[in-house]
Amino acid sequence: MGAVFAVIGAAQAVTAVSHGVLAVKSFDQCDKFKKLAAKIEVVVQKLSEIKNSLEPYENAYMQQVHMWDVQQTVAWVKGKGAYYNGIGILFEQHNIKGDDLADMDHDTLKELGVSSNLKRKRLLRKIRKLLANN
Protein backbone atom coordinates (compact mmCIF):
# COMPACT_ATOMS: atom_id res chain seq x y z
CA MET A 1 0.00 0.00 0.00
CA GLY A 2 2.86 2.35 0.78
CA ALA A 3 4.18 1.86 -2.74
CA VAL A 4 0.89 3.05 -4.21
CA PHE A 5 1.04 6.20 -2.07
CA ALA A 6 4.65 6.78 -3.10
CA VAL A 7 3.82 6.46 -6.79
CA ILE A 8 0.83 8.79 -6.41
CA GLY A 9 3.00 11.33 -4.60
CA ALA A 10 5.73 11.11 -7.22
CA ALA A 11 3.25 11.46 -10.07
CA GLN A 12 1.65 14.47 -8.40
CA ALA A 13 5.08 16.04 -7.94
CA VAL A 14 5.93 15.49 -11.61
CA THR A 15 2.58 17.01 -12.58
CA ALA A 16 3.29 20.09 -10.44
CA VAL A 17 6.76 20.42 -11.92
CA SER A 18 5.48 20.04 -15.46
CA HIS A 19 2.86 22.73 -14.83
CA GLY A 20 5.56 25.00 -13.40
CA VAL A 21 7.82 24.40 -16.35
CA LEU A 22 5.03 25.48 -18.67
CA ALA A 23 5.41 28.99 -17.35
CA VAL A 24 9.05 29.28 -18.39
CA LYS A 25 9.33 27.20 -21.57
CA SER A 26 8.82 28.45 -25.10
CA PHE A 27 5.41 28.23 -26.74
CA ASP A 28 6.45 25.24 -28.93
CA GLN A 29 7.47 23.22 -25.91
CA CYS A 30 4.32 24.16 -23.95
CA ASP A 31 2.18 21.77 -25.97
CA LYS A 32 4.56 18.89 -25.21
CA PHE A 33 4.47 19.66 -21.50
CA LYS A 34 0.70 20.04 -21.52
CA LYS A 35 0.32 16.62 -23.15
CA LEU A 36 2.75 15.09 -20.66
CA ALA A 37 0.96 16.74 -17.72
CA ALA A 38 -2.39 15.44 -19.01
CA LYS A 39 -1.03 11.89 -19.22
CA ILE A 40 0.46 12.13 -15.75
CA GLU A 41 -2.85 13.40 -14.36
CA VAL A 42 -4.58 10.34 -15.84
CA VAL A 43 -2.04 8.07 -14.12
CA VAL A 44 -2.51 9.90 -10.80
CA GLN A 45 -6.29 9.51 -11.12
CA LYS A 46 -6.00 5.77 -11.85
CA LEU A 47 -3.63 5.23 -8.93
CA SER A 48 -5.96 7.16 -6.67
CA GLU A 49 -8.84 4.92 -7.76
CA ILE A 50 -6.74 1.83 -7.00
CA LYS A 51 -5.85 3.21 -3.57
CA ASN A 52 -9.52 3.88 -2.82
CA SER A 53 -10.53 0.38 -3.94
CA LEU A 54 -7.97 -1.17 -1.59
CA GLU A 55 -9.04 0.89 1.43
CA PRO A 56 -11.70 -1.56 2.74
CA TYR A 57 -9.15 -4.39 2.66
CA GLU A 58 -6.54 -2.26 4.38
CA ASN A 59 -9.02 -1.32 7.12
CA ALA A 60 -9.96 -4.95 7.71
CA TYR A 61 -6.28 -5.88 7.85
CA MET A 62 -5.44 -3.08 10.27
CA GLN A 63 -8.19 -3.99 12.70
CA GLN A 64 -6.25 -6.95 14.00
CA VAL A 65 -2.84 -5.40 14.66
CA HIS A 66 -2.47 -7.19 17.99
CA MET A 67 -2.63 -10.50 16.10
CA TRP A 68 0.06 -9.66 13.54
CA ASP A 69 3.04 -11.97 13.29
CA VAL A 70 6.58 -10.72 12.68
CA GLN A 71 6.19 -10.71 8.89
CA GLN A 72 2.97 -8.67 8.99
CA THR A 73 4.52 -6.16 11.39
CA VAL A 74 7.64 -5.83 9.22
CA ALA A 75 5.45 -5.43 6.11
CA TRP A 76 3.54 -2.60 7.79
CA VAL A 77 6.75 -0.78 8.78
CA LYS A 78 8.33 -1.19 5.35
CA GLY A 79 5.03 -0.18 3.77
CA LYS A 80 5.48 3.25 5.32
CA GLY A 81 8.22 3.93 2.78
CA ALA A 82 11.91 3.39 2.12
CA TYR A 83 12.72 5.68 5.06
CA TYR A 84 11.56 2.88 7.40
CA ASN A 85 13.10 -0.16 5.65
CA GLY A 86 15.98 -0.29 8.13
CA ILE A 87 13.55 -0.33 11.03
CA GLY A 88 11.65 -3.14 9.35
CA ILE A 89 14.87 -5.15 9.27
CA LEU A 90 15.45 -4.42 12.97
CA PHE A 91 11.89 -5.51 13.79
CA GLU A 92 12.50 -8.75 11.92
CA GLN A 93 15.81 -9.38 13.69
CA HIS A 94 14.17 -8.82 17.09
CA ASN A 95 10.95 -10.73 16.28
CA ILE A 96 8.66 -7.74 16.86
CA LYS A 97 4.99 -8.69 16.51
CA GLY A 98 1.86 -6.58 16.34
CA ASP A 99 1.13 -6.81 20.04
CA ASP A 100 4.64 -5.45 20.75
CA LEU A 101 3.81 -2.17 19.00
CA ALA A 102 1.67 -0.98 21.92
CA ASP A 103 4.76 -1.18 24.17
CA MET A 104 7.05 0.77 21.84
CA ASP A 105 8.62 3.95 23.17
CA HIS A 106 11.78 5.94 22.47
CA ASP A 107 13.90 3.77 24.75
CA THR A 108 12.66 0.50 23.23
CA LEU A 109 13.32 1.72 19.70
CA LYS A 110 16.75 2.94 20.75
CA GLU A 111 17.54 -0.48 22.26
CA LEU A 112 16.47 -2.10 18.99
CA GLY A 113 19.01 0.05 17.16
CA VAL A 114 17.00 3.02 15.87
CA SER A 115 19.61 5.68 16.54
CA SER A 116 17.85 8.66 14.94
CA ASN A 117 15.65 10.55 17.38
CA LEU A 118 13.63 11.91 14.46
CA LYS A 119 12.98 8.42 13.07
CA ARG A 120 11.86 7.24 16.50
CA LYS A 121 9.46 10.19 16.83
CA ARG A 122 8.03 9.67 13.36
CA LEU A 123 7.60 5.93 13.82
CA LEU A 124 6.00 6.32 17.24
CA ARG A 125 3.54 8.80 15.76
CA LYS A 126 2.65 6.27 13.05
CA ILE A 127 2.28 3.49 15.64
CA ARG A 128 -0.02 5.66 17.78
CA LYS A 129 -2.14 6.43 14.72
CA LEU A 130 -2.28 2.76 13.76
CA LEU A 131 -3.31 1.68 17.23
CA ALA A 132 -5.88 4.49 17.54
CA ASN A 133 -7.60 3.14 14.43
CA ASN A 134 -7.95 -0.30 15.98
C-alpha atoms as a PDB file:
ATOM      1  CA  MET A   1       0.000   0.000   0.000  1.00  0.00           C
ATOM      2  CA  GLY A   2       2.859   2.354   0.784  1.00  0.00           C
ATOM      3  CA  ALA A   3       4.179   1.857  -2.740  1.00  0.00           C
ATOM      4  CA  VAL A   4       0.888   3.052  -4.214  1.00  0.00           C
ATOM      5  CA  PHE A   5       1.036   6.200  -2.066  1.00  0.00           C
ATOM      6  CA  ALA A   6       4.645   6.776  -3.098  1.00  0.00           C
ATOM      7  CA  VAL A   7       3.818   6.456  -6.794  1.00  0.00           C
ATOM      8  CA  ILE A   8       0.826   8.790  -6.407  1.00  0.00           C
ATOM      9  CA  GLY A   9       3.000  11.334  -4.603  1.00  0.00           C
ATOM     10  CA  ALA A  10       5.726  11.106  -7.225  1.00  0.00           C
ATOM     11  CA  ALA A  11       3.252  11.458 -10.072  1.00  0.00           C
ATOM     12  CA  GLN A  12       1.649  14.471  -8.402  1.00  0.00           C
ATOM     13  CA  ALA A  13       5.084  16.044  -7.944  1.00  0.00           C
ATOM     14  CA  VAL A  14       5.926  15.488 -11.612  1.00  0.00           C
ATOM     15  CA  THR A  15       2.577  17.011 -12.575  1.00  0.00           C
ATOM     16  CA  ALA A  16       3.288  20.089 -10.444  1.00  0.00           C
ATOM     17  CA  VAL A  17       6.764  20.424 -11.921  1.00  0.00           C
ATOM     18  CA  SER A  18       5.478  20.038 -15.461  1.00  0.00           C
ATOM     19  CA  HIS A  19       2.856  22.734 -14.834  1.00  0.00           C
ATOM     20  CA  GLY A  20       5.556  24.999 -13.398  1.00  0.00           C
ATOM     21  CA  VAL A  21       7.820  24.395 -16.352  1.00  0.00           C
ATOM     22  CA  LEU A  22       5.030  25.483 -18.674  1.00  0.00           C
ATOM     23  CA  ALA A  23       5.405  28.994 -17.348  1.00  0.00           C
ATOM     24  CA  VAL A  24       9.053  29.281 -18.388  1.00  0.00           C
ATOM     25  CA  LYS A  25       9.332  27.201 -21.573  1.00  0.00           C
ATOM     26  CA  SER A  26       8.822  28.448 -25.104  1.00  0.00           C
ATOM     27  CA  PHE A  27       5.410  28.231 -26.742  1.00  0.00           C
ATOM     28  CA  ASP A  28       6.452  25.240 -28.926  1.00  0.00           C
ATOM     29  CA  GLN A  29       7.466  23.219 -25.907  1.00  0.00           C
ATOM     30  CA  CYS A  30       4.319  24.163 -23.950  1.00  0.00           C
ATOM     31  CA  ASP A  31       2.181  21.768 -25.965  1.00  0.00           C
ATOM     32  CA  LYS A  32       4.563  18.888 -25.209  1.00  0.00           C
ATOM     33  CA  PHE A  33       4.473  19.657 -21.499  1.00  0.00           C
ATOM     34  CA  LYS A  34       0.697  20.044 -21.523  1.00  0.00           C
ATOM     35  CA  LYS A  35       0.323  16.623 -23.147  1.00  0.00           C
ATOM     36  CA  LEU A  36       2.748  15.095 -20.660  1.00  0.00           C
ATOM     37  CA  ALA A  37       0.957  16.739 -17.724  1.00  0.00           C
ATOM     38  CA  ALA A  38      -2.395  15.436 -19.006  1.00  0.00           C
ATOM     39  CA  LYS A  39      -1.028  11.889 -19.222  1.00  0.00           C
ATOM     40  CA  ILE A  40       0.460  12.129 -15.746  1.00  0.00           C
ATOM     41  CA  GLU A  41      -2.846  13.401 -14.358  1.00  0.00           C
ATOM     42  CA  VAL A  42      -4.582  10.340 -15.842  1.00  0.00           C
ATOM     43  CA  VAL A  43      -2.043   8.074 -14.121  1.00  0.00           C
ATOM     44  CA  VAL A  44      -2.512   9.904 -10.804  1.00  0.00           C
ATOM     45  CA  GLN A  45      -6.291   9.510 -11.125  1.00  0.00           C
ATOM     46  CA  LYS A  46      -6.002   5.773 -11.853  1.00  0.00           C
ATOM     47  CA  LEU A  47      -3.635   5.229  -8.928  1.00  0.00           C
ATOM     48  CA  SER A  48      -5.963   7.164  -6.671  1.00  0.00           C
ATOM     49  CA  GLU A  49      -8.839   4.915  -7.763  1.00  0.00           C
ATOM     50  CA  ILE A  50      -6.737   1.830  -6.997  1.00  0.00           C
ATOM     51  CA  LYS A  51      -5.848   3.206  -3.568  1.00  0.00           C
ATOM     52  CA  ASN A  52      -9.521   3.877  -2.819  1.00  0.00           C
ATOM     53  CA  SER A  53     -10.534   0.383  -3.944  1.00  0.00           C
ATOM     54  CA  LEU A  54      -7.969  -1.168  -1.588  1.00  0.00           C
ATOM     55  CA  GLU A  55      -9.039   0.890   1.429  1.00  0.00           C
ATOM     56  CA  PRO A  56     -11.699  -1.559   2.743  1.00  0.00           C
ATOM     57  CA  TYR A  57      -9.149  -4.388   2.660  1.00  0.00           C
ATOM     58  CA  GLU A  58      -6.540  -2.265   4.383  1.00  0.00           C
ATOM     59  CA  ASN A  59      -9.016  -1.316   7.118  1.00  0.00           C
ATOM     60  CA  ALA A  60      -9.960  -4.951   7.712  1.00  0.00           C
ATOM     61  CA  TYR A  61      -6.281  -5.885   7.845  1.00  0.00           C
ATOM     62  CA  MET A  62      -5.440  -3.080  10.267  1.00  0.00           C
ATOM     63  CA  GLN A  63      -8.194  -3.990  12.696  1.00  0.00           C
ATOM     64  CA  GLN A  64      -6.249  -6.952  13.997  1.00  0.00           C
ATOM     65  CA  VAL A  65      -2.838  -5.402  14.660  1.00  0.00           C
ATOM     66  CA  HIS A  66      -2.472  -7.193  17.989  1.00  0.00           C
ATOM     67  CA  MET A  67      -2.632 -10.503  16.095  1.00  0.00           C
ATOM     68  CA  TRP A  68       0.064  -9.664  13.538  1.00  0.00           C
ATOM     69  CA  ASP A  69       3.042 -11.970  13.294  1.00  0.00           C
ATOM     70  CA  VAL A  70       6.583 -10.716  12.676  1.00  0.00           C
ATOM     71  CA  GLN A  71       6.195 -10.710   8.887  1.00  0.00           C
ATOM     72  CA  GLN A  72       2.973  -8.667   8.985  1.00  0.00           C
ATOM     73  CA  THR A  73       4.516  -6.158  11.392  1.00  0.00           C
ATOM     74  CA  VAL A  74       7.636  -5.829   9.224  1.00  0.00           C
ATOM     75  CA  ALA A  75       5.453  -5.432   6.109  1.00  0.00           C
ATOM     76  CA  TRP A  76       3.538  -2.603   7.795  1.00  0.00           C
ATOM     77  CA  VAL A  77       6.748  -0.780   8.782  1.00  0.00           C
ATOM     78  CA  LYS A  78       8.329  -1.194   5.353  1.00  0.00           C
ATOM     79  CA  GLY A  79       5.028  -0.181   3.766  1.00  0.00           C
ATOM     80  CA  LYS A  80       5.480   3.249   5.321  1.00  0.00           C
ATOM     81  CA  GLY A  81       8.223   3.928   2.782  1.00  0.00           C
ATOM     82  CA  ALA A  82      11.912   3.388   2.118  1.00  0.00           C
ATOM     83  CA  TYR A  83      12.720   5.684   5.058  1.00  0.00           C
ATOM     84  CA  TYR A  84      11.557   2.883   7.400  1.00  0.00           C
ATOM     85  CA  ASN A  85      13.104  -0.156   5.653  1.00  0.00           C
ATOM     86  CA  GLY A  86      15.981  -0.287   8.125  1.00  0.00           C
ATOM     87  CA  ILE A  87      13.547  -0.325  11.034  1.00  0.00           C
ATOM     88  CA  GLY A  88      11.650  -3.136   9.354  1.00  0.00           C
ATOM     89  CA  ILE A  89      14.874  -5.148   9.272  1.00  0.00           C
ATOM     90  CA  LEU A  90      15.448  -4.423  12.974  1.00  0.00           C
ATOM     91  CA  PHE A  91      11.889  -5.506  13.792  1.00  0.00           C
ATOM     92  CA  GLU A  92      12.504  -8.745  11.915  1.00  0.00           C
ATOM     93  CA  GLN A  93      15.807  -9.384  13.693  1.00  0.00           C
ATOM     94  CA  HIS A  94      14.168  -8.825  17.094  1.00  0.00           C
ATOM     95  CA  ASN A  95      10.945 -10.727  16.283  1.00  0.00           C
ATOM     96  CA  ILE A  96       8.661  -7.740  16.860  1.00  0.00           C
ATOM     97  CA  LYS A  97       4.993  -8.692  16.511  1.00  0.00           C
ATOM     98  CA  GLY A  98       1.856  -6.581  16.335  1.00  0.00           C
ATOM     99  CA  ASP A  99       1.134  -6.811  20.040  1.00  0.00           C
ATOM    100  CA  ASP A 100       4.637  -5.454  20.747  1.00  0.00           C
ATOM    101  CA  LEU A 101       3.808  -2.175  19.003  1.00  0.00           C
ATOM    102  CA  ALA A 102       1.673  -0.978  21.922  1.00  0.00           C
ATOM    103  CA  ASP A 103       4.755  -1.178  24.169  1.00  0.00           C
ATOM    104  CA  MET A 104       7.050   0.769  21.841  1.00  0.00           C
ATOM    105  CA  ASP A 105       8.617   3.950  23.170  1.00  0.00           C
ATOM    106  CA  HIS A 106      11.785   5.940  22.471  1.00  0.00           C
ATOM    107  CA  ASP A 107      13.897   3.771  24.753  1.00  0.00           C
ATOM    108  CA  THR A 108      12.662   0.503  23.233  1.00  0.00           C
ATOM    109  CA  LEU A 109      13.319   1.719  19.701  1.00  0.00           C
ATOM    110  CA  LYS A 110      16.754   2.944  20.749  1.00  0.00           C
ATOM    111  CA  GLU A 111      17.545  -0.479  22.259  1.00  0.00           C
ATOM    112  CA  LEU A 112      16.468  -2.097  18.988  1.00  0.00           C
ATOM    113  CA  GLY A 113      19.011   0.053  17.160  1.00  0.00           C
ATOM    114  CA  VAL A 114      16.996   3.016  15.868  1.00  0.00           C
ATOM    115  CA  SER A 115      19.608   5.679  16.541  1.00  0.00           C
ATOM    116  CA  SER A 116      17.852   8.655  14.937  1.00  0.00           C
ATOM    117  CA  ASN A 117      15.653  10.552  17.376  1.00  0.00           C
ATOM    118  CA  LEU A 118      13.630  11.914  14.456  1.00  0.00           C
ATOM    119  CA  LYS A 119      12.977   8.421  13.067  1.00  0.00           C
ATOM    120  CA  ARG A 120      11.864   7.243  16.502  1.00  0.00           C
ATOM    121  CA  LYS A 121       9.464  10.191  16.831  1.00  0.00           C
ATOM    122  CA  ARG A 122       8.027   9.665  13.360  1.00  0.00           C
ATOM    123  CA  LEU A 123       7.602   5.928  13.818  1.00  0.00           C
ATOM    124  CA  LEU A 124       6.000   6.318  17.239  1.00  0.00           C
ATOM    125  CA  ARG A 125       3.541   8.803  15.760  1.00  0.00           C
ATOM    126  CA  LYS A 126       2.645   6.268  13.054  1.00  0.00           C
ATOM    127  CA  ILE A 127       2.284   3.492  15.636  1.00  0.00           C
ATOM    128  CA  ARG A 128      -0.024   5.659  17.784  1.00  0.00           C
ATOM    129  CA  LYS A 129      -2.139   6.433  14.724  1.00  0.00           C
ATOM    130  CA  LEU A 130      -2.276   2.759  13.757  1.00  0.00           C
ATOM    131  CA  LEU A 131      -3.314   1.680  17.232  1.00  0.00           C
ATOM    132  CA  ALA A 132      -5.881   4.490  17.537  1.00  0.00           C
ATOM    133  CA  ASN A 133      -7.596   3.144  14.425  1.00  0.00           C
ATOM    134  CA  ASN A 134      -7.947  -0.301  15.980  1.00  0.00           C
END
